[in-house]
Protein backbone atom coordinates (compact mmCIF):
# COMPACT_ATOMS: atom_id res chain seq x y z
CA MET A 1 22.75 5.38 -3.50
CA THR A 2 20.08 6.69 -5.79
CA LEU A 3 21.09 10.23 -6.77
CA GLY A 4 18.38 12.13 -8.53
CA VAL A 5 15.94 14.98 -8.52
CA ALA A 6 12.28 15.75 -7.92
CA GLU A 7 11.45 17.49 -11.17
CA ASP A 8 8.13 17.76 -13.01
CA ALA A 9 9.73 19.73 -15.85
CA VAL A 10 10.20 16.35 -17.55
CA ARG A 11 6.42 15.93 -17.58
CA ALA A 12 5.86 17.15 -21.13
CA PRO A 13 2.97 16.62 -23.56
CA ASP A 14 5.49 15.96 -26.34
CA LEU A 15 8.33 13.44 -26.30
CA GLN A 16 10.91 15.88 -27.69
CA THR A 17 10.59 18.21 -24.70
CA ALA A 18 10.57 15.32 -22.24
CA GLU A 19 13.80 13.97 -23.75
CA ALA A 20 15.47 17.38 -23.71
CA LYS A 21 14.65 17.89 -20.02
CA MET A 22 15.73 14.35 -19.18
CA ALA A 23 19.03 14.91 -20.97
CA GLN A 24 19.55 18.02 -18.82
CA LEU A 25 19.27 15.87 -15.71
CA ARG A 26 21.91 13.46 -16.94
CA LEU A 27 24.20 16.34 -17.87
CA ALA A 28 23.98 17.53 -14.26
CA GLY A 29 24.98 14.08 -12.98
CA LEU A 30 21.47 13.03 -11.91
CA THR A 31 20.38 9.48 -12.71
CA ALA A 32 16.89 9.34 -11.16
CA VAL A 33 13.83 11.55 -11.31
CA ARG A 34 10.68 11.77 -9.23
CA VAL A 35 7.58 12.91 -11.07
CA THR A 36 4.09 13.44 -9.73
CA THR A 37 0.69 12.28 -10.87
CA ASN A 38 -2.42 13.57 -9.15
CA TRP A 39 -5.46 11.58 -8.15
CA ALA A 40 -8.80 13.39 -7.95
CA PRO A 41 -12.13 12.11 -6.65
CA GLY A 42 -13.79 9.83 -9.18
CA LEU A 43 -10.57 8.80 -10.92
CA THR A 44 -9.50 5.17 -10.89
CA ALA A 45 -6.94 5.51 -13.71
CA PRO A 46 -4.98 8.32 -15.38
CA THR A 47 -6.82 10.33 -18.01
CA ASP A 48 -5.72 9.92 -21.62
CA ASP A 49 -3.78 13.21 -21.46
CA GLU A 50 -2.07 12.23 -18.20
CA LEU A 51 -1.18 8.81 -19.55
CA ARG A 52 0.36 10.43 -22.64
CA VAL A 53 2.54 12.63 -20.43
CA LEU A 54 3.62 9.70 -18.25
CA ARG A 55 4.48 7.61 -21.30
CA ASN A 56 6.65 10.45 -22.58
CA VAL A 57 8.43 10.43 -19.21
CA GLU A 58 8.85 6.66 -19.42
CA THR A 59 10.31 6.76 -22.94
CA ALA A 60 12.59 9.72 -22.26
CA ALA A 61 13.87 8.12 -19.05
CA ASP A 62 14.58 4.83 -20.78
CA ARG A 63 16.52 6.55 -23.57
CA ASN A 64 18.59 8.54 -21.09
CA GLY A 65 19.20 5.82 -18.51
CA VAL A 66 17.20 7.56 -15.75
CA GLU A 67 15.27 5.71 -13.04
CA VAL A 68 11.75 7.01 -12.41
CA TYR A 69 9.99 7.41 -9.07
CA VAL A 70 6.30 8.29 -9.24
CA SER A 71 4.60 10.21 -6.45
CA VAL A 72 0.82 9.64 -6.42
CA TYR A 73 -1.13 12.09 -4.32
CA ASN A 74 -4.24 14.25 -4.10
CA VAL A 75 -3.93 17.84 -5.30
CA GLY A 76 -4.81 19.52 -2.00
CA GLN A 77 -6.69 19.40 1.28
CA ARG A 78 -10.12 19.62 -0.35
CA THR A 79 -9.60 16.26 -2.04
CA THR A 80 -8.14 14.37 0.91
CA PRO A 81 -9.07 10.69 0.39
CA LEU A 82 -10.76 9.93 3.69
CA ASP A 83 -13.85 7.78 3.11
CA PRO A 84 -13.70 4.16 1.88
CA THR A 85 -14.80 5.09 -1.65
CA ALA A 86 -12.13 7.75 -2.08
CA GLN A 87 -9.40 5.52 -0.65
CA SER A 88 -10.42 2.66 -2.93
CA GLU A 89 -10.35 4.96 -5.97
CA PHE A 90 -6.92 6.28 -4.97
CA ALA A 91 -5.54 2.74 -4.60
CA GLN A 92 -7.00 1.75 -7.98
CA TYR A 93 -5.47 4.85 -9.57
CA ALA A 94 -1.99 4.03 -8.24
CA ALA A 95 -2.34 0.40 -9.34
CA SER A 96 -3.45 1.52 -12.81
CA VAL A 97 -0.31 3.69 -13.17
CA ALA A 98 1.84 0.68 -12.29
CA ARG A 99 -0.10 -1.62 -14.63
CA LEU A 100 -0.06 0.72 -17.62
CA LEU A 101 3.57 1.77 -17.14
CA PRO A 102 5.35 -1.36 -15.89
CA SER A 103 8.80 0.26 -15.79
CA PHE A 104 7.50 2.55 -13.01
CA ASP A 105 8.29 0.25 -10.11
CA GLN A 106 9.08 2.88 -7.46
CA ILE A 107 5.81 4.37 -6.20
CA ILE A 108 5.50 7.02 -3.46
CA VAL A 109 2.07 7.14 -1.81
CA GLY A 110 0.88 10.62 -0.84
CA ASN A 111 2.72 13.87 -0.27
CA GLU A 112 3.29 15.51 3.11
CA PRO A 113 0.14 14.15 4.76
CA ASN A 114 1.29 15.78 8.01
CA LEU A 115 0.56 19.24 6.55
CA ASN A 116 -2.88 20.82 6.27
CA ARG A 117 -2.04 21.94 2.74
CA PHE A 118 -2.38 18.35 1.54
CA TRP A 119 -4.40 16.60 4.24
CA LEU A 120 -7.32 17.59 6.44
CA PRO A 121 -8.31 17.06 9.12
CA GLN A 122 -4.99 16.84 10.93
CA PHE A 123 -6.67 16.46 14.33
CA ALA A 124 -9.82 14.89 15.76
CA PRO A 125 -12.26 17.03 17.83
CA ASP A 126 -10.59 15.78 21.02
CA GLY A 127 -7.19 17.02 19.81
CA THR A 128 -5.70 13.62 18.98
CA ASN A 129 -3.94 13.02 15.68
CA ALA A 130 -6.38 12.15 12.88
CA SER A 131 -4.19 12.41 9.78
CA ALA A 132 -1.81 9.54 10.56
CA PRO A 133 -4.48 6.83 11.09
CA ALA A 134 -6.38 7.96 7.98
CA TYR A 135 -3.20 8.05 5.92
CA LEU A 136 -2.19 4.61 7.23
CA SER A 137 -5.51 3.23 5.96
CA LEU A 138 -4.88 4.74 2.53
CA LEU A 139 -1.30 3.48 2.48
CA ALA A 140 -2.33 -0.08 3.37
CA GLN A 141 -4.96 -0.23 0.62
CA THR A 142 -2.58 1.23 -1.95
CA TYR A 143 0.21 -1.12 -0.90
CA ASP A 144 -2.04 -4.14 -1.41
CA ALA A 145 -3.29 -2.86 -4.79
CA LEU A 146 0.25 -2.21 -6.05
CA LYS A 147 1.57 -5.57 -4.86
CA ALA A 148 -1.33 -7.27 -6.67
CA VAL A 149 -0.06 -5.69 -9.89
CA ASP A 150 3.58 -6.66 -9.26
CA PRO A 151 5.01 -7.92 -5.96
CA THR A 152 8.42 -6.45 -6.86
CA ILE A 153 7.14 -2.85 -6.88
CA THR A 154 8.74 -0.77 -4.13
CA VAL A 155 6.09 1.13 -2.20
CA TRP A 156 7.34 4.21 -0.38
CA GLY A 157 5.18 5.61 2.40
CA GLY A 158 5.27 8.83 4.35
CA ALA A 159 6.72 11.53 2.10
CA LEU A 160 6.62 13.57 5.29
CA ALA A 161 7.43 17.24 5.74
CA PRO A 162 10.24 17.89 8.27
CA ARG A 163 8.27 20.16 10.60
CA GLY A 164 4.81 20.62 12.12
CA SER A 165 3.25 22.54 14.98
CA ASP A 166 1.20 19.77 16.68
CA ARG A 167 -1.29 22.49 17.74
CA PRO A 168 -4.89 21.38 17.05
CA GLU A 169 -6.19 24.90 17.73
CA GLY A 170 -3.52 26.64 15.63
CA ILE A 171 -4.25 28.77 12.59
CA ARG A 172 -2.37 26.26 10.45
CA PRO A 173 -2.93 22.81 11.95
CA THR A 174 0.02 20.60 11.08
CA SER A 175 1.61 17.50 12.58
CA SER A 176 5.32 17.14 13.22
CA PRO A 177 6.95 14.07 11.65
CA THR A 178 7.70 12.90 15.19
CA ALA A 179 4.04 12.93 16.25
CA PHE A 180 2.88 11.60 12.87
CA LEU A 181 5.16 8.55 12.94
CA GLN A 182 4.21 7.81 16.53
CA ALA A 183 0.52 7.98 15.62
CA MET A 184 1.10 5.81 12.54
CA GLY A 185 2.70 3.16 14.72
CA THR A 186 -0.14 3.24 17.22
CA ALA A 187 -2.72 2.93 14.44
CA TYR A 188 -0.82 0.09 12.76
CA ARG A 189 -0.55 -1.91 15.98
CA ALA A 190 -4.24 -1.36 16.71
CA SER A 191 -5.26 -2.45 13.20
CA GLY A 192 -4.12 -6.04 13.67
CA ARG A 193 -2.63 -6.01 10.16
CA THR A 194 -0.21 -8.87 9.48
CA LEU A 195 1.35 -7.39 6.33
CA PRO A 196 3.57 -4.34 5.88
CA VAL A 197 2.16 -1.08 4.54
CA MET A 198 5.40 0.20 2.97
CA ASP A 199 8.76 -1.06 1.73
CA GLY A 200 10.51 2.19 2.63
CA LEU A 201 9.95 5.62 4.12
CA ALA A 202 10.06 8.71 1.93
CA PHE A 203 11.06 11.85 3.80
CA HIS A 204 11.70 15.55 3.06
CA PRO A 205 14.63 16.69 5.27
CA TYR A 206 14.65 20.38 4.34
CA PRO A 207 16.54 22.70 6.70
CA ASP A 208 14.47 25.32 8.53
CA ASN A 209 15.52 27.78 5.80
CA SER A 210 18.08 27.76 3.01
CA SER A 211 20.66 29.63 5.08
CA GLN A 212 20.69 26.96 7.77
CA SER A 213 23.43 24.36 7.40
CA PRO A 214 22.16 20.85 6.57
CA ASP A 215 24.08 19.49 9.56
CA PHE A 216 22.00 21.53 12.04
CA PRO A 217 20.40 19.03 14.47
CA HIS A 218 17.05 19.26 16.26
CA PRO A 219 17.64 17.22 19.44
CA ARG A 220 15.06 19.06 21.55
CA SER A 221 12.33 19.64 19.00
CA THR A 222 9.94 17.52 16.96
CA SER A 223 11.49 18.62 13.64
CA ILE A 224 13.69 16.23 11.68
CA GLY A 225 16.46 17.25 9.28
CA LEU A 226 19.38 15.48 7.65
CA ALA A 227 21.38 15.64 10.87
CA ASP A 228 18.58 13.92 12.81
CA TYR A 229 18.95 10.52 11.18
CA GLY A 230 19.37 8.76 14.51
CA LYS A 231 16.15 10.29 15.80
CA LEU A 232 14.27 9.27 12.65
CA VAL A 233 15.47 5.66 12.84
CA ALA A 234 14.59 5.51 16.54
CA LEU A 235 11.07 6.78 15.82
CA LEU A 236 10.58 4.15 13.15
CA GLY A 237 11.75 1.51 15.57
CA GLN A 238 9.40 2.68 18.31
CA ALA A 239 6.52 2.78 15.84
CA PHE A 240 6.96 -0.57 14.09
CA ASP A 241 9.67 -2.86 15.49
CA GLY A 242 8.19 -6.17 16.58
CA THR A 243 5.40 -6.03 13.99
CA ALA A 244 5.09 -7.19 10.39
CA GLN A 245 6.08 -3.67 9.31
CA PRO A 246 9.87 -3.14 9.47
CA GLY A 247 10.83 -0.10 11.54
CA SER A 248 14.41 0.70 12.48
CA SER A 249 15.70 -1.32 9.50
CA LEU A 250 13.29 0.34 7.03
CA PRO A 251 15.00 1.84 3.95
CA ILE A 252 14.78 5.64 3.77
CA LEU A 253 14.53 7.78 0.66
CA TYR A 254 15.07 11.52 0.98
CA ASP A 255 12.80 12.32 -1.94
CA GLU A 256 12.95 16.12 -1.53
CA PHE A 257 15.93 18.17 -0.38
CA GLY A 258 16.38 21.71 -1.70
CA ILE A 259 18.54 24.77 -1.06
CA GLU A 260 17.41 28.00 -2.72
CA SER A 261 19.95 30.34 -4.29
CA ALA A 262 19.42 34.07 -4.78
CA VAL A 263 18.58 35.17 -8.31
CA PRO A 264 21.31 37.41 -9.79
CA LYS A 265 20.33 40.72 -11.38
CA GLY A 266 21.07 39.47 -14.88
CA LYS A 267 18.45 36.74 -14.53
CA ARG A 268 15.81 38.67 -12.57
CA SER A 269 13.59 39.19 -15.64
CA LEU A 270 13.01 35.43 -15.81
CA TYR A 271 11.23 35.39 -12.47
CA ALA A 272 7.99 36.85 -11.12
CA GLY A 273 6.80 37.85 -7.68
CA ASN A 274 8.78 38.34 -4.48
CA GLU A 275 10.91 35.99 -2.44
CA PRO A 276 9.39 35.29 1.01
CA ALA A 277 11.52 36.69 3.82
CA THR A 278 11.50 33.31 5.55
CA THR A 279 13.28 31.54 2.67
CA LYS A 280 16.70 33.19 3.20
CA PRO A 281 18.31 32.10 -0.08
CA VAL A 282 22.08 31.78 -0.29
CA ASP A 283 24.57 32.58 -3.03
CA GLU A 284 25.36 29.88 -5.56
CA ARG A 285 28.69 28.97 -3.94
CA GLN A 286 26.89 28.36 -0.65
CA GLN A 287 24.18 26.39 -2.43
CA ALA A 288 26.80 24.04 -3.89
CA ALA A 289 28.47 23.67 -0.49
CA ALA A 290 25.13 22.88 1.16
CA TYR A 291 24.31 20.21 -1.42
CA ASP A 292 27.78 18.74 -0.95
CA LEU A 293 27.30 18.59 2.83
CA GLY A 294 23.82 17.11 2.44
CA LEU A 295 25.20 14.38 0.21
CA ARG A 296 28.00 13.65 2.69
CA LEU A 297 25.52 13.28 5.54
CA ALA A 298 23.12 11.05 3.62
CA PHE A 299 25.94 8.88 2.23
CA CYS A 300 27.04 7.81 5.73
CA GLN A 301 23.54 6.98 6.97
CA PRO A 302 23.26 3.18 6.66
CA THR A 303 19.56 2.76 5.80
CA VAL A 304 19.33 5.75 3.43
CA GLU A 305 18.96 4.44 -0.12
CA GLY A 306 18.87 7.70 -1.99
CA ILE A 307 18.47 11.45 -2.09
CA LEU A 308 16.54 13.50 -4.64
CA LEU A 309 17.28 17.21 -4.98
CA PHE A 310 14.33 19.57 -5.33
CA HIS A 311 14.61 20.78 -8.18
CA SER A 312 17.08 20.66 -11.08
CA GLN A 313 15.65 23.82 -12.70
CA ASP A 314 14.29 26.89 -10.91
CA GLU A 315 10.60 27.61 -10.82
CA THR A 316 9.75 31.02 -12.28
CA ALA A 317 7.58 32.16 -9.36
CA LEU A 318 9.81 33.53 -6.59
CA PRO A 319 7.39 32.42 -3.85
CA SER A 320 8.10 28.87 -5.12
CA TRP A 321 11.51 27.14 -5.38
CA GLN A 322 14.74 28.46 -6.89
CA SER A 323 16.74 25.46 -5.73
CA GLY A 324 17.94 24.10 -9.06
CA VAL A 325 21.39 24.01 -10.61
CA TYR A 326 19.80 25.53 -13.72
CA TYR A 327 18.12 28.94 -13.89
CA ALA A 328 14.51 29.13 -15.06
CA ASP A 329 15.70 29.50 -18.67
CA GLY A 330 17.66 26.23 -18.50
CA THR A 331 21.14 27.77 -18.39
CA PRO A 332 23.48 26.41 -15.68
CA LYS A 333 24.24 28.28 -12.47
CA SER A 334 27.78 28.59 -11.21
CA SER A 335 26.86 25.86 -8.68
CA PHE A 336 26.23 23.40 -11.53
CA TRP A 337 29.78 22.06 -11.85
CA ALA A 338 30.42 21.76 -8.13
CA VAL A 339 27.15 19.90 -7.54
CA ARG A 340 27.84 17.57 -10.46
CA ASP A 341 31.25 16.80 -8.98
CA SER A 342 29.68 16.14 -5.55
CA LEU A 343 27.22 13.72 -7.16
CA SER A 344 30.06 11.96 -8.96
CA ARG A 345 32.07 11.57 -5.74
CA THR A 346 28.98 10.24 -3.97
CA ARG A 347 28.36 7.72 -6.72
CA GLY A 348 32.00 6.64 -6.54
CA GLY A 349 31.93 6.31 -2.76
CA SER A 350 34.39 9.13 -2.07
CA ILE A 351 32.13 11.95 -0.86
CA ALA A 352 32.83 11.11 2.80
CA ARG A 353 34.70 8.73 5.08
CA CYS A 354 32.07 6.72 6.96
CA ASP A 355 32.65 4.73 10.12
CA GLY A 356 32.41 1.02 9.43
CA MET A 357 32.09 1.42 5.66
CA ALA A 358 34.40 -0.75 3.53
CA LEU A 359 33.93 -0.59 -0.23
CA ALA A 360 35.41 -3.26 -2.49
CA VAL A 361 36.45 -1.98 -5.91
CA SER A 362 36.21 -4.40 -8.83
CA PRO A 363 38.32 -4.08 -11.99
CA LEU A 364 36.18 -3.80 -15.12
CA GLY A 365 37.17 -4.41 -18.73
CA VAL A 366 40.89 -4.85 -18.01
CA ARG A 367 42.96 -4.94 -21.19
CA PHE A 368 46.59 -5.90 -20.73
CA PRO A 369 48.87 -5.45 -23.74
CA GLY A 370 49.22 -8.48 -25.98
CA PRO A 371 52.61 -10.21 -26.34
CA ARG A 372 53.51 -8.52 -29.64
CA ALA A 373 52.36 -5.08 -28.53
CA PHE A 374 54.33 -5.50 -25.28
CA GLN A 375 57.47 -6.36 -27.25
CA ARG A 376 56.99 -3.19 -29.28
CA GLY A 377 57.02 -1.19 -26.02
CA ALA A 378 53.27 -0.88 -25.39
CA HIS A 379 53.43 -1.05 -21.59
CA THR A 380 49.89 0.26 -21.06
CA VAL A 381 46.86 -1.24 -19.31
CA ARG A 382 43.33 0.01 -19.95
CA PHE A 383 40.55 -0.56 -17.44
CA ARG A 384 37.67 0.87 -15.43
CA CYS A 385 36.91 0.73 -11.71
CA SER A 386 33.48 -0.14 -10.33
CA LEU A 387 33.87 2.73 -7.82
CA ASP A 388 36.42 5.47 -7.32
CA CYS A 389 39.79 3.80 -6.97
CA ALA A 390 43.44 4.18 -6.15
CA TRP A 391 45.29 1.93 -8.55
CA THR A 392 48.78 0.43 -8.66
CA LEU A 393 50.33 -1.17 -11.73
CA GLU A 394 53.35 -3.38 -11.10
CA ALA A 395 55.71 -5.29 -13.36
CA LEU A 396 56.90 -8.46 -11.59
CA ARG A 397 59.53 -10.96 -12.67
CA ALA A 398 57.66 -14.00 -13.98
CA THR A 399 60.01 -16.47 -12.26
CA THR A 400 60.69 -14.82 -8.88
CA GLY A 401 57.92 -12.30 -8.41
CA ALA A 402 60.51 -9.59 -7.79
CA LEU A 403 59.33 -6.04 -8.39
CA VAL A 404 60.64 -4.44 -11.57
CA ALA A 405 58.56 -1.26 -11.77
CA ARG A 406 55.54 0.35 -10.17
CA VAL A 407 53.23 3.26 -11.03
CA ASN A 408 50.28 4.62 -9.04
CA GLY A 409 47.24 6.68 -9.84
CA TYR A 410 43.64 7.56 -9.02
CA GLY A 411 40.46 7.27 -11.05
CA ARG A 412 36.76 7.96 -10.87
CA GLY A 413 34.31 5.09 -10.91
CA ASP A 414 33.17 3.65 -14.26
CA THR A 415 35.49 6.01 -16.18
CA PRO A 416 37.99 4.75 -18.80
CA LEU A 417 41.43 4.71 -17.18
CA VAL A 418 44.95 4.12 -18.43
CA ALA A 419 47.93 2.90 -16.40
CA SER A 420 51.27 2.97 -18.14
CA PHE A 421 54.98 2.56 -17.46
CA GLY A 422 55.62 4.93 -20.32
CA LYS A 423 59.07 4.47 -21.80
CA ARG A 424 60.54 2.92 -18.67
CA LYS A 425 62.77 -0.08 -19.42
CA LEU A 426 61.57 -3.32 -17.89
CA GLY A 427 64.64 -5.41 -18.59
CA ALA A 428 64.98 -8.47 -20.78
CA ALA A 429 63.47 -11.17 -18.54
CA PRO A 430 59.79 -12.17 -18.77
CA VAL A 431 57.36 -10.33 -16.51
CA ARG A 432 53.76 -10.35 -15.39
CA LEU A 433 51.74 -7.16 -14.97
CA ARG A 434 49.61 -6.85 -11.84
CA LEU A 435 46.90 -4.23 -11.49
CA THR A 436 45.68 -3.63 -7.92
CA LEU A 437 42.66 -1.52 -6.95
CA VAL A 438 41.53 -0.21 -3.57
CA HIS A 439 38.96 2.39 -2.60
CA PRO A 440 40.74 5.66 -1.68
CA VAL A 441 38.33 6.81 1.04
CA ASN A 442 36.42 3.79 2.40
CA PRO A 443 38.80 0.92 1.63
CA ASP A 444 38.04 -2.77 1.78
CA ALA A 445 40.62 -5.42 0.85
CA PRO A 446 42.55 -4.58 -2.36
CA GLN A 447 41.51 -6.40 -5.54
CA SER A 448 44.15 -7.52 -8.04
CA VAL A 449 44.23 -8.94 -11.55
CA THR A 450 47.38 -10.28 -13.20
CA SER A 451 48.38 -10.70 -16.84
CA GLY A 452 49.95 -13.71 -18.44
CA ILE A 453 53.69 -13.87 -19.03
CA LEU A 454 54.96 -11.06 -21.22
CA ARG A 455 58.41 -10.84 -22.76
CA PRO A 456 60.04 -7.44 -23.24
CA ALA A 457 61.75 -6.67 -26.53
């Protein structure tokens, strides 16, 4: 899985700041970042200043081994790209980003088009959904423009908010993700298009508030959270299965998932404004537990390819998001270490036991002792595991295969490991050493590697 963060703090006008922020992400165990770039009417390419910022992101990401996702969207409802000219400009802008920054090959089109904050109108005069068909048109044009630049670019559509009222006459007209996906499917089928419009669905599975557990389901509502994966996949299938656009098999990226933590008194001076009553932030221990649970849920969902936390560092305005593992001044919260460990266990495949999942662990860089070192008593094997592993080192008689000695241990994925018999005597007859690896939580068949014949002293 991709394990990263939605974080514009790495968008810096100078490379030094961009690198420092990118290094913070890696320190927290995050290996991907989603940044935004905003289209505005009249733009068909990033401005010089915007391009400079994006190039700083590109360089800093490359130096820190971070994968970049770029979200291209209009700033707000007043600049919704509705008419053919605006949609063409938007598509050209996205294609220009991909052309000028070829390492940016993960592009998200739009941001929460089911909310009136980013897209108007949501409804037609007769009360039917208007945002989904208009967004589908934009997505199709942008998909084609991006694929013309590079067919290997991954185009993510949707970026949908998890809730909406579906009330055309409401004060805040919004569309639920359920209604939006249904309307997208109807519009796609009516269009007669014979090509896809997206390679994957981006989605924002926030809970109803930060105090609500991520495993809270919404079986009788139109909202969709992390626990509603089955409902989301079913909706995609109903919308697109049987067409050129994959539906129930479509990869899913949770490109925003955040849990706000309450600001302690000692850090209150860093923040401004007042926390909305509806946010219901939790303490940092609960924040870490919620992120851990969110990762466990996403890890076991077969078509989910990644999850991006929102954010890594708190925003200073309390009406905004305090969902990072760093405070606004860049110092780590007490949740930092627990979240980093959860990310590590997810990356190693051990965050959760998943039905039907079987992970094969490969031995990497195995170094058995040489004949002379073995005779001097160096009974140590150095290696790494491709994923988290339970390992067994055995000494076997070279002629009969009889077991002489065995030691067991556990290691994290892609971490230098050492297996040793210590000072245990292995006898005088020749032996072979056999290292066997198996995943400790989601095991597939064990993988073994055996040394040549070694003669004890």
